[in-house]
Amino acid sequence: MPSSLFGRQRDRFLPTWLAGGPWSKEALHGGPSAALLARAIERFDGGDRMFVSRITLELLRPVPFEELTVHTELLRPGRKVQLVGASLRTEKQEVARATGLRLRRKDVLLPPDLPMEPVTMPPPETGVDAARRGEFLEGFHTHGVEHRFIRGQLSTPGPATDWIRLRVPVLPGETPSPIERVCAAADFGNGASGILPAEYTYINPDLTIYLHRYPRGEWVCIDAVTRVEPNGIGFAESRLLDLEGTIGRALQSLIIDQRG
C-alpha cells in the first residue's frame, strides 16, 4: 500500500490510488485535493502568524490521476485579514481551486462565564468501522482514512456521526497539520449522511469549511445531515468536532442525478 496520498517530485504531486474517489477510477476523492490545497494556503508567506478560519474549495472538474501542480497567491493583503488563493492544475488545465480566509492570531482574555454550551461526542473507540466496500470503487474513502461511526453508517441512509482519521500523510515524510486533517474528513459529509438509494449519485462540486479552532489529535468527527430536493439539488451540512468539542462547520452543495 502507498505510504501517502500523493507522491512528490520537486513542485509536482502525483496522486496514489489512496487518493481515489468512489465514482470513477479516473478521478480523485475531494478530500485529498482539499487537504493539498489547504496545506498550500496554510504555508503561504506569513502563515505561522495567521489562523485559517475559512476554506472554500471549488471542484471545477474531476481531478485526474495525473501530475499536479499547486499555485498560490495573495488575493487580499492585510495584517488582520488575508485572502489566499490556491489553484490545482494538470499540465493542460485548472481542475480545482480554493480560497482561504486567514485571520490574525492574538491572545484575548475572555470572561470565564460565557454561555457557550460544550458539544461533545462519544470517543472513536466506541464507534463502529462501517466503511462501505464493494458498492463503490476502493480508494481514499476505504483505505486512505479510518472510520468509526457513532451514529449511522455508510451503508445506512440518513444522518450520521463519523470519527475519521488519516491512515497515511498527505505527502511522504510529513505529519499532517490539523487543517489538513479537517479537510480530509470534511468532504465525507454527503457520503456519510447520504439519504438516496444506490441508483442515484449526489456529487458535491464544492466544499466550504468554517473553523473557530483547529482540532487537537488525529481524529476529526463529522456530525452530518443531507437534504435533497426534486429540482436535482441537495445540501449537506456537518458539525465538525474533536475530542474536546465543536471546532466548526462544513457545507457542501450537491448535484443529484439518477445513474444512467
Protein backbone atom coordinates (compact mmCIF):
# COMPACT_ATOMS: atom_id res chain seq x y z
CA MET A 1 0.00 0.00 0.00
CA PRO A 2 1.32 3.52 -0.75
CA SER A 3 2.72 5.47 2.19
CA SER A 4 0.95 8.75 1.36
CA LEU A 5 -1.94 10.24 -0.63
CA PHE A 6 0.43 11.96 -3.06
CA GLY A 7 3.97 11.33 -4.17
CA ARG A 8 6.15 14.38 -4.66
CA GLN A 9 8.86 15.32 -7.12
CA ARG A 10 10.03 18.89 -6.58
CA ASP A 11 6.97 21.08 -7.26
CA ARG A 12 4.82 18.30 -8.73
CA PHE A 13 2.42 15.98 -6.95
CA LEU A 14 1.37 12.57 -8.24
CA PRO A 15 -1.76 11.03 -6.65
CA THR A 16 -1.53 7.47 -5.38
CA TRP A 17 -4.55 5.15 -5.56
CA LEU A 18 -5.25 6.00 -1.91
CA ALA A 19 -6.48 9.41 -3.13
CA GLY A 20 -9.10 7.83 -5.42
CA GLY A 21 -12.81 8.62 -5.27
CA PRO A 22 -15.92 6.42 -5.21
CA TRP A 23 -17.47 7.43 -8.53
CA SER A 24 -14.75 6.90 -11.15
CA LYS A 25 -11.45 5.02 -11.24
CA GLU A 26 -10.01 8.02 -13.12
CA ALA A 27 -10.82 10.73 -10.55
CA LEU A 28 -9.72 11.65 -7.04
CA HIS A 29 -11.87 11.96 -3.93
CA GLY A 30 -12.45 15.57 -2.89
CA GLY A 31 -10.73 15.13 0.49
CA PRO A 32 -7.15 14.69 -0.75
CA SER A 33 -7.46 17.67 -3.13
CA ALA A 34 -8.87 19.81 -0.31
CA ALA A 35 -6.07 18.78 2.05
CA LEU A 36 -3.36 19.50 -0.54
CA LEU A 37 -4.75 22.99 -1.28
CA ALA A 38 -5.25 23.72 2.43
CA ARG A 39 -1.61 22.81 3.00
CA ALA A 40 -0.56 25.43 0.43
CA ILE A 41 -2.84 28.12 1.90
CA GLU A 42 -1.67 27.46 5.44
CA ARG A 43 2.03 27.54 4.48
CA PHE A 44 1.83 30.63 2.28
CA ASP A 45 4.07 33.53 3.34
CA GLY A 46 3.41 34.54 6.96
CA GLY A 47 1.06 31.65 7.64
CA ASP A 48 2.58 30.89 11.04
CA ARG A 49 1.08 34.16 12.33
CA MET A 50 -2.39 33.56 10.89
CA PHE A 51 -5.37 31.27 11.53
CA VAL A 52 -7.20 29.74 8.55
CA SER A 53 -10.79 30.49 9.52
CA ARG A 54 -12.47 29.51 6.26
CA ILE A 55 -11.57 27.44 3.22
CA THR A 56 -13.81 27.29 0.17
CA LEU A 57 -12.96 24.59 -2.35
CA GLU A 58 -14.31 24.63 -5.91
CA LEU A 59 -14.00 21.31 -7.74
CA LEU A 60 -14.01 22.66 -11.29
CA ARG A 61 -13.80 19.24 -12.94
CA PRO A 62 -12.83 15.72 -11.91
CA VAL A 63 -9.26 15.77 -10.55
CA PRO A 64 -7.40 13.09 -12.55
CA PHE A 65 -4.62 10.68 -11.64
CA GLU A 66 -2.03 12.90 -13.33
CA GLU A 67 0.89 15.03 -12.21
CA LEU A 68 -0.48 18.09 -10.44
CA THR A 69 0.95 21.47 -9.54
CA VAL A 70 -0.26 23.98 -6.95
CA HIS A 71 -0.04 27.73 -7.50
CA THR A 72 -0.65 30.00 -4.50
CA GLU A 73 -1.17 33.78 -4.42
CA LEU A 74 -2.17 36.51 -2.00
CA LEU A 75 -5.57 37.86 -3.06
CA ARG A 76 -6.05 40.33 -0.21
CA PRO A 77 -3.14 41.52 1.91
CA GLY A 78 -3.62 42.70 5.45
CA ARG A 79 -2.30 42.50 9.00
CA LYS A 80 -5.60 41.20 10.45
CA VAL A 81 -7.42 39.70 7.46
CA GLN A 82 -5.95 38.00 4.41
CA LEU A 83 -7.31 36.06 1.46
CA VAL A 84 -5.03 33.44 -0.07
CA GLY A 85 -5.90 31.60 -3.27
CA ALA A 86 -4.55 28.21 -4.32
CA SER A 87 -5.03 26.56 -7.71
CA LEU A 88 -4.60 22.86 -8.54
CA ARG A 89 -3.62 22.23 -12.14
CA THR A 90 -2.74 19.44 -14.52
CA GLU A 91 -0.39 20.13 -17.42
CA LYS A 92 -3.39 21.25 -19.51
CA GLN A 93 -5.90 22.93 -17.21
CA GLU A 94 -7.03 24.03 -13.77
CA VAL A 95 -9.04 21.30 -12.01
CA ALA A 96 -9.70 22.76 -8.55
CA ARG A 97 -9.18 25.98 -6.65
CA ALA A 98 -9.50 27.09 -3.06
CA THR A 99 -9.73 30.39 -1.23
CA GLY A 100 -8.55 30.63 2.35
CA LEU A 101 -9.58 33.36 4.78
CA ARG A 102 -6.69 33.87 7.22
CA LEU A 103 -7.20 35.90 10.41
CA ARG A 104 -4.57 37.25 12.76
CA ARG A 105 -3.87 35.30 15.95
CA LYS A 106 -3.95 37.16 19.26
CA ASP A 107 -4.32 36.12 22.88
CA VAL A 108 -7.56 37.61 24.24
CA LEU A 109 -8.63 37.28 27.88
CA LEU A 110 -12.28 36.17 27.81
CA PRO A 111 -14.83 36.25 30.65
CA PRO A 112 -14.95 32.90 32.49
CA ASP A 113 -18.77 32.62 32.47
CA LEU A 114 -19.60 32.85 28.76
CA PRO A 115 -22.84 30.95 27.85
CA MET A 116 -21.18 28.60 25.38
CA GLU A 117 -22.61 25.11 25.74
CA PRO A 118 -19.94 22.48 25.05
CA VAL A 119 -20.95 19.86 22.48
CA THR A 120 -19.03 16.59 22.63
CA MET A 121 -19.38 13.15 21.07
CA PRO A 122 -18.58 9.66 22.35
CA PRO A 123 -14.93 8.91 21.52
CA PRO A 124 -13.82 7.00 18.41
CA GLU A 125 -13.13 3.76 20.28
CA THR A 126 -16.87 3.47 20.98
CA GLY A 127 -17.71 3.67 17.27
CA VAL A 128 -18.02 1.06 14.51
CA ASP A 129 -15.77 0.63 11.47
CA ALA A 130 -18.53 0.75 8.89
CA ALA A 131 -16.66 1.71 5.70
CA ARG A 132 -18.72 0.65 2.70
CA ARG A 133 -16.90 -1.75 0.39
CA GLY A 134 -17.97 -3.44 -2.83
CA GLU A 135 -20.72 -0.99 -3.86
CA PHE A 136 -18.22 1.75 -4.73
CA LEU A 137 -14.65 1.78 -6.00
CA GLU A 138 -11.91 1.46 -3.42
CA GLY A 139 -9.72 4.46 -2.65
CA PHE A 140 -9.46 7.28 -0.15
CA HIS A 141 -12.82 6.54 1.49
CA THR A 142 -12.00 2.86 2.10
CA HIS A 143 -8.22 2.78 2.63
CA GLY A 144 -6.91 6.35 2.92
CA VAL A 145 -8.85 7.05 6.11
CA GLU A 146 -10.20 5.11 9.06
CA HIS A 147 -13.90 5.45 10.05
CA ARG A 148 -15.56 4.99 13.42
CA PHE A 149 -19.33 5.57 13.27
CA ILE A 150 -21.15 6.66 16.41
CA ARG A 151 -24.47 7.02 14.55
CA GLY A 152 -25.45 5.62 11.17
CA GLN A 153 -23.01 4.14 8.69
CA LEU A 154 -22.12 4.41 5.02
CA SER A 155 -24.49 1.60 4.07
CA THR A 156 -27.47 3.06 6.01
CA PRO A 157 -29.29 6.13 4.61
CA GLY A 158 -29.75 9.06 6.95
CA PRO A 159 -27.87 11.37 9.32
CA ALA A 160 -24.51 10.09 10.55
CA THR A 161 -21.83 10.83 13.12
CA ASP A 162 -18.45 9.56 11.99
CA TRP A 163 -14.97 9.87 13.52
CA ILE A 164 -12.37 9.98 10.72
CA ARG A 165 -8.58 9.63 10.88
CA LEU A 166 -5.99 9.72 8.11
CA ARG A 167 -4.20 6.38 7.73
CA VAL A 168 -1.34 7.96 5.77
CA PRO A 169 0.02 11.51 5.43
CA VAL A 170 -0.89 13.79 2.53
CA LEU A 171 2.76 13.85 1.41
CA PRO A 172 5.56 11.42 2.23
CA GLY A 173 7.61 12.25 5.30
CA GLU A 174 5.21 14.94 6.58
CA THR A 175 2.95 14.85 9.62
CA PRO A 176 -0.49 16.13 8.57
CA SER A 177 -1.33 19.51 10.03
CA PRO A 178 -4.64 19.94 11.89
CA ILE A 179 -6.22 21.75 8.97
CA GLU A 180 -5.15 19.01 6.55
CA ARG A 181 -6.89 16.51 8.83
CA VAL A 182 -10.06 18.65 8.88
CA CYS A 183 -10.16 18.98 5.09
CA ALA A 184 -9.57 15.27 4.60
CA ALA A 185 -12.57 14.48 6.84
CA ALA A 186 -15.00 17.28 5.95
CA ASP A 187 -15.64 16.12 2.38
CA PHE A 188 -17.30 12.96 3.74
CA GLY A 189 -20.43 14.78 4.90
CA ASN A 190 -22.57 13.90 1.88
CA GLY A 191 -21.28 10.32 1.73
CA ALA A 192 -21.74 9.55 5.41
CA SER A 193 -25.24 11.06 5.62
CA GLY A 194 -26.50 10.21 2.14
CA ILE A 195 -30.25 9.51 2.03
CA LEU A 196 -30.73 8.37 -1.58
CA PRO A 197 -30.73 4.74 -2.78
CA ALA A 198 -27.90 3.30 -4.87
CA GLU A 199 -29.40 4.27 -8.24
CA TYR A 200 -28.68 7.95 -7.50
CA THR A 201 -25.48 9.97 -7.41
CA TYR A 202 -25.02 13.04 -5.19
CA ILE A 203 -21.72 14.63 -6.16
CA ASN A 204 -20.54 17.82 -4.46
CA PRO A 205 -18.89 20.46 -6.71
CA ASP A 206 -17.77 22.47 -3.69
CA LEU A 207 -16.83 22.33 -0.02
CA THR A 208 -16.75 25.19 2.47
CA ILE A 209 -15.22 24.77 5.92
CA TYR A 210 -15.52 27.26 8.78
CA LEU A 211 -13.29 26.84 11.84
CA HIS A 212 -13.01 28.70 15.13
CA ARG A 213 -10.17 26.48 16.32
CA TYR A 214 -8.05 23.66 14.93
CA PRO A 215 -8.62 20.07 16.05
CA ARG A 216 -6.36 18.56 18.69
CA GLY A 217 -5.35 14.98 17.99
CA GLU A 218 -5.61 12.77 14.92
CA TRP A 219 -9.39 12.19 14.90
CA VAL A 220 -11.95 14.59 13.39
CA CYS A 221 -15.68 13.95 13.82
CA ILE A 222 -18.37 14.91 11.32
CA ASP A 223 -21.96 15.07 12.58
CA ALA A 224 -23.65 15.20 9.19
CA VAL A 225 -27.09 15.56 7.64
CA THR A 226 -28.14 15.69 3.95
CA ARG A 227 -31.19 17.31 2.37
CA VAL A 228 -32.31 16.80 -1.25
CA GLU A 229 -34.97 18.39 -3.46
CA PRO A 230 -36.85 17.22 -6.60
CA ASN A 231 -35.16 20.04 -8.53
CA GLY A 232 -31.97 17.95 -8.56
CA ILE A 233 -30.21 19.99 -5.89
CA GLY A 234 -29.07 18.91 -2.46
CA PHE A 235 -27.15 20.19 0.53
CA ALA A 236 -25.01 18.51 3.18
CA GLU A 237 -24.09 20.13 6.49
CA SER A 238 -21.63 18.76 9.04
CA ARG A 239 -20.78 19.90 12.54
CA LEU A 240 -17.03 19.39 12.97
CA LEU A 241 -15.64 18.21 16.31
CA ASP A 242 -12.57 16.86 18.04
CA LEU A 243 -12.42 15.04 21.37
CA GLU A 244 -12.87 18.33 23.25
CA GLY A 245 -15.93 19.58 21.37
CA THR A 246 -17.09 21.60 18.38
CA ILE A 247 -14.46 23.21 16.14
CA GLY A 248 -16.54 24.43 13.18
CA ARG A 249 -18.87 23.56 10.29
CA ALA A 250 -18.60 22.13 6.77
CA LEU A 251 -21.08 22.75 3.94
CA GLN A 252 -21.48 21.07 0.53
CA SER A 253 -23.74 21.73 -2.44
CA LEU A 254 -24.96 18.56 -4.16
CA ILE A 255 -25.90 17.72 -7.74
CA ILE A 256 -28.49 14.93 -7.71
CA ASP A 257 -28.71 12.55 -10.68
CA GLN A 258 -30.05 9.12 -11.46
CA ARG A 259 -27.44 6.67 -12.70
CA GLY A 260 -27.68 6.07 -16.43
